[in-house]
Amino acid sequence: MEHHLLQEAFSRVLTRLLAPACLPFLEELLNAFCGSSHASKVFLFDTRTKVYVATDGSPVDSTTHNLCCDYVHMLGSFGSLYK
């Protein structure tokens, strides 16, 4: 569980460090994707570190973030099957 807290903290730092012109553009794209796919929350993840680079405009819920991290990890474990 602690690794999820670190990943979320690094994610928040990373999103604050992104260029001010870049983050609103990514957020707008993710909001559009969220609306067209009827998703409740959208993250743009770095799959290796499981840190999110950007997210849609809705607040980040730790439970949803943890679930997405676990899902990305599970998908990554199957990656070698498709090389």
N, C-alpha and C. Protein backbone atom coordinates (compact mmCIF):
# COMPACT_ATOMS: atom_id res chain seq x y z
N MET A 1 0.83 -1.20 0.00
CA MET A 1 0.00 0.00 0.00
C MET A 1 0.87 1.26 0.00
N GLU A 2 2.03 1.22 0.67
CA GLU A 2 2.89 2.40 0.73
C GLU A 2 3.41 2.80 -0.65
N HIS A 3 3.68 1.80 -1.52
CA HIS A 3 4.17 2.15 -2.85
C HIS A 3 3.13 2.93 -3.63
N HIS A 4 1.84 2.70 -3.38
CA HIS A 4 0.80 3.48 -4.04
C HIS A 4 0.84 4.93 -3.57
N LEU A 5 1.11 5.14 -2.28
CA LEU A 5 1.19 6.50 -1.76
C LEU A 5 2.36 7.25 -2.38
N LEU A 6 3.50 6.58 -2.53
CA LEU A 6 4.65 7.21 -3.15
C LEU A 6 4.38 7.53 -4.62
N GLN A 7 3.76 6.60 -5.31
CA GLN A 7 3.44 6.83 -6.73
C GLN A 7 2.49 8.00 -6.88
N GLU A 8 1.50 8.09 -6.00
CA GLU A 8 0.56 9.21 -6.08
C GLU A 8 1.26 10.53 -5.76
N ALA A 9 2.14 10.53 -4.77
CA ALA A 9 2.87 11.75 -4.42
C ALA A 9 3.78 12.19 -5.58
N PHE A 10 4.52 11.25 -6.17
CA PHE A 10 5.36 11.59 -7.31
C PHE A 10 4.52 12.07 -8.49
N SER A 11 3.34 11.49 -8.66
CA SER A 11 2.45 11.92 -9.73
C SER A 11 2.02 13.36 -9.55
N ARG A 12 1.68 13.72 -8.32
CA ARG A 12 1.25 15.10 -8.05
C ARG A 12 2.40 16.09 -8.29
N VAL A 13 3.61 15.70 -7.89
CA VAL A 13 4.77 16.56 -8.13
C VAL A 13 5.00 16.71 -9.64
N LEU A 14 4.94 15.61 -10.36
CA LEU A 14 5.18 15.63 -11.80
C LEU A 14 4.17 16.52 -12.53
N THR A 15 2.91 16.42 -12.15
CA THR A 15 1.90 17.24 -12.83
C THR A 15 2.10 18.73 -12.54
N ARG A 16 2.66 19.06 -11.37
CA ARG A 16 2.94 20.47 -11.06
C ARG A 16 4.17 20.97 -11.81
N LEU A 17 5.09 20.06 -12.17
CA LEU A 17 6.30 20.45 -12.87
C LEU A 17 6.11 20.58 -14.38
N LEU A 18 5.05 20.00 -14.92
CA LEU A 18 4.80 20.11 -16.36
C LEU A 18 4.63 21.56 -16.75
N ALA A 19 5.05 21.84 -17.96
CA ALA A 19 4.94 23.21 -18.46
C ALA A 19 3.49 23.68 -18.36
N PRO A 20 3.28 24.92 -17.91
CA PRO A 20 1.90 25.43 -17.77
C PRO A 20 1.09 25.36 -19.06
N ALA A 21 1.73 25.41 -20.20
CA ALA A 21 1.00 25.34 -21.46
C ALA A 21 0.64 23.91 -21.80
N CYS A 22 1.39 22.94 -21.31
CA CYS A 22 1.19 21.54 -21.66
C CYS A 22 0.08 20.88 -20.84
N LEU A 23 0.06 21.13 -19.54
CA LEU A 23 -0.90 20.45 -18.67
C LEU A 23 -2.35 20.76 -19.00
N PRO A 24 -2.74 22.02 -19.24
CA PRO A 24 -4.14 22.28 -19.61
C PRO A 24 -4.55 21.58 -20.90
N PHE A 25 -3.64 21.48 -21.85
CA PHE A 25 -3.92 20.79 -23.11
C PHE A 25 -4.18 19.31 -22.86
N LEU A 26 -3.31 18.67 -22.07
CA LEU A 26 -3.50 17.24 -21.75
C LEU A 26 -4.79 17.03 -20.97
N GLU A 27 -5.07 17.90 -20.02
CA GLU A 27 -6.30 17.78 -19.23
C GLU A 27 -7.53 17.92 -20.12
N GLU A 28 -7.49 18.85 -21.07
CA GLU A 28 -8.61 19.03 -22.00
C GLU A 28 -8.83 17.78 -22.85
N LEU A 29 -7.73 17.19 -23.34
CA LEU A 29 -7.84 15.95 -24.12
C LEU A 29 -8.42 14.81 -23.28
N LEU A 30 -7.95 14.70 -22.05
CA LEU A 30 -8.44 13.63 -21.18
C LEU A 30 -9.90 13.87 -20.78
N ASN A 31 -10.29 15.12 -20.59
CA ASN A 31 -11.70 15.43 -20.33
C ASN A 31 -12.58 15.02 -21.51
N ALA A 32 -12.10 15.30 -22.73
CA ALA A 32 -12.85 14.92 -23.93
C ALA A 32 -12.96 13.39 -24.03
N PHE A 33 -11.85 12.70 -23.76
CA PHE A 33 -11.88 11.24 -23.78
C PHE A 33 -12.83 10.70 -22.72
N CYS A 34 -12.79 11.30 -21.55
CA CYS A 34 -13.67 10.89 -20.44
C CYS A 34 -15.14 11.05 -20.85
N GLY A 35 -15.45 12.15 -21.49
CA GLY A 35 -16.83 12.40 -21.92
C GLY A 35 -17.29 11.47 -23.03
N SER A 36 -16.41 11.21 -23.99
CA SER A 36 -16.83 10.37 -25.11
C SER A 36 -16.85 8.89 -24.76
N SER A 37 -16.07 8.48 -23.78
CA SER A 37 -16.05 7.06 -23.40
C SER A 37 -16.91 6.77 -22.17
N HIS A 38 -17.51 7.80 -21.59
CA HIS A 38 -18.33 7.68 -20.39
C HIS A 38 -17.55 7.08 -19.22
N ALA A 39 -16.24 7.35 -19.19
CA ALA A 39 -15.39 6.90 -18.08
C ALA A 39 -15.56 7.86 -16.91
N SER A 40 -15.45 7.34 -15.71
CA SER A 40 -15.59 8.21 -14.54
C SER A 40 -14.29 8.93 -14.20
N LYS A 41 -13.15 8.36 -14.59
CA LYS A 41 -11.85 8.97 -14.31
C LYS A 41 -10.86 8.49 -15.35
N VAL A 42 -9.96 9.38 -15.80
CA VAL A 42 -8.96 9.03 -16.81
C VAL A 42 -7.59 9.46 -16.31
N PHE A 43 -6.63 8.55 -16.40
CA PHE A 43 -5.23 8.84 -16.07
C PHE A 43 -4.38 8.60 -17.32
N LEU A 44 -3.31 9.36 -17.46
CA LEU A 44 -2.29 9.10 -18.47
C LEU A 44 -1.06 8.63 -17.68
N PHE A 45 -0.77 7.31 -17.76
CA PHE A 45 0.26 6.68 -16.93
C PHE A 45 1.56 6.48 -17.69
N ASP A 46 2.67 6.54 -16.95
CA ASP A 46 3.94 5.99 -17.39
C ASP A 46 3.91 4.56 -16.88
N THR A 47 3.86 3.60 -17.78
CA THR A 47 3.62 2.22 -17.38
C THR A 47 4.78 1.61 -16.61
N ARG A 48 5.99 2.10 -16.82
CA ARG A 48 7.14 1.53 -16.12
C ARG A 48 7.12 1.91 -14.64
N THR A 49 6.89 3.19 -14.35
CA THR A 49 6.93 3.66 -12.96
C THR A 49 5.55 3.68 -12.30
N LYS A 50 4.51 3.56 -13.10
CA LYS A 50 3.12 3.65 -12.64
C LYS A 50 2.80 5.00 -12.00
N VAL A 51 3.45 6.02 -12.52
CA VAL A 51 3.21 7.39 -12.11
C VAL A 51 2.34 8.02 -13.19
N TYR A 52 1.29 8.73 -12.80
CA TYR A 52 0.47 9.36 -13.83
C TYR A 52 1.03 10.71 -14.19
N VAL A 53 1.04 10.97 -15.47
CA VAL A 53 1.59 12.20 -16.02
C VAL A 53 0.52 13.29 -16.03
N ALA A 54 -0.71 12.89 -16.29
CA ALA A 54 -1.82 13.83 -16.33
C ALA A 54 -3.11 13.07 -16.01
N THR A 55 -4.13 13.82 -15.70
CA THR A 55 -5.44 13.24 -15.41
C THR A 55 -6.51 14.22 -15.89
N ASP A 56 -7.74 13.76 -15.93
CA ASP A 56 -8.83 14.66 -16.32
C ASP A 56 -9.09 15.65 -15.19
N GLY A 57 -10.06 16.52 -15.35
CA GLY A 57 -10.30 17.60 -14.41
C GLY A 57 -10.94 17.21 -13.09
N SER A 58 -11.46 16.00 -12.98
CA SER A 58 -12.10 15.60 -11.72
C SER A 58 -11.03 15.29 -10.66
N PRO A 59 -11.40 15.42 -9.38
CA PRO A 59 -10.41 15.17 -8.32
C PRO A 59 -9.90 13.72 -8.34
N VAL A 60 -8.66 13.56 -7.92
CA VAL A 60 -8.04 12.23 -7.86
C VAL A 60 -8.45 11.56 -6.57
N ASP A 61 -9.03 10.37 -6.70
CA ASP A 61 -9.43 9.55 -5.56
C ASP A 61 -8.35 8.48 -5.36
N SER A 62 -7.82 8.37 -4.15
CA SER A 62 -6.74 7.41 -3.89
C SER A 62 -7.13 5.98 -4.22
N THR A 63 -8.37 5.62 -3.94
CA THR A 63 -8.82 4.25 -4.22
C THR A 63 -8.79 3.97 -5.72
N THR A 64 -9.27 4.91 -6.51
CA THR A 64 -9.26 4.74 -7.96
C THR A 64 -7.83 4.71 -8.49
N HIS A 65 -6.98 5.57 -7.96
CA HIS A 65 -5.57 5.59 -8.38
C HIS A 65 -4.91 4.25 -8.05
N ASN A 66 -5.13 3.72 -6.86
CA ASN A 66 -4.54 2.44 -6.47
C ASN A 66 -5.02 1.32 -7.37
N LEU A 67 -6.30 1.32 -7.69
CA LEU A 67 -6.86 0.30 -8.57
C LEU A 67 -6.24 0.38 -9.97
N CYS A 68 -6.06 1.59 -10.47
CA CYS A 68 -5.44 1.76 -11.79
C CYS A 68 -3.99 1.32 -11.78
N CYS A 69 -3.25 1.63 -10.71
CA CYS A 69 -1.86 1.18 -10.60
C CYS A 69 -1.78 -0.34 -10.62
N ASP A 70 -2.65 -0.99 -9.88
CA ASP A 70 -2.67 -2.45 -9.86
C ASP A 70 -3.01 -3.01 -11.23
N TYR A 71 -3.94 -2.37 -11.92
CA TYR A 71 -4.35 -2.82 -13.26
C TYR A 71 -3.20 -2.66 -14.25
N VAL A 72 -2.50 -1.53 -14.20
CA VAL A 72 -1.35 -1.30 -15.09
C VAL A 72 -0.26 -2.32 -14.80
N HIS A 73 -0.04 -2.62 -13.52
CA HIS A 73 0.96 -3.63 -13.15
C HIS A 73 0.58 -5.00 -13.70
N MET A 74 -0.70 -5.36 -13.56
CA MET A 74 -1.16 -6.66 -14.06
C MET A 74 -1.01 -6.74 -15.58
N LEU A 75 -1.37 -5.68 -16.29
CA LEU A 75 -1.21 -5.68 -17.74
C LEU A 75 0.26 -5.78 -18.15
N GLY A 76 1.13 -5.11 -17.39
CA GLY A 76 2.55 -5.17 -17.65
C GLY A 76 3.13 -6.56 -17.47
N SER A 77 2.56 -7.34 -16.57
CA SER A 77 3.08 -8.68 -16.34
C SER A 77 2.77 -9.62 -17.51
N PHE A 78 1.79 -9.24 -18.35
CA PHE A 78 1.46 -10.04 -19.52
C PHE A 78 2.19 -9.55 -20.78
N GLY A 79 2.91 -8.46 -20.67
CA GLY A 79 3.57 -7.85 -21.82
C GLY A 79 4.56 -8.77 -22.52
N SER A 80 5.25 -9.59 -21.76
CA SER A 80 6.26 -10.47 -22.38
C SER A 80 5.62 -11.54 -23.25
N LEU A 81 4.36 -11.83 -23.05
CA LEU A 81 3.67 -12.82 -23.85
C LEU A 81 3.44 -12.34 -25.28
N TYR A 82 3.42 -11.02 -25.48
CA TYR A 82 3.06 -10.46 -26.77
C TYR A 82 4.26 -9.88 -27.54
N LYS A 83 5.48 -10.19 -27.11
CA LYS A 83 6.67 -9.68 -27.81
C LYS A 83 7.01 -10.55 -28.99
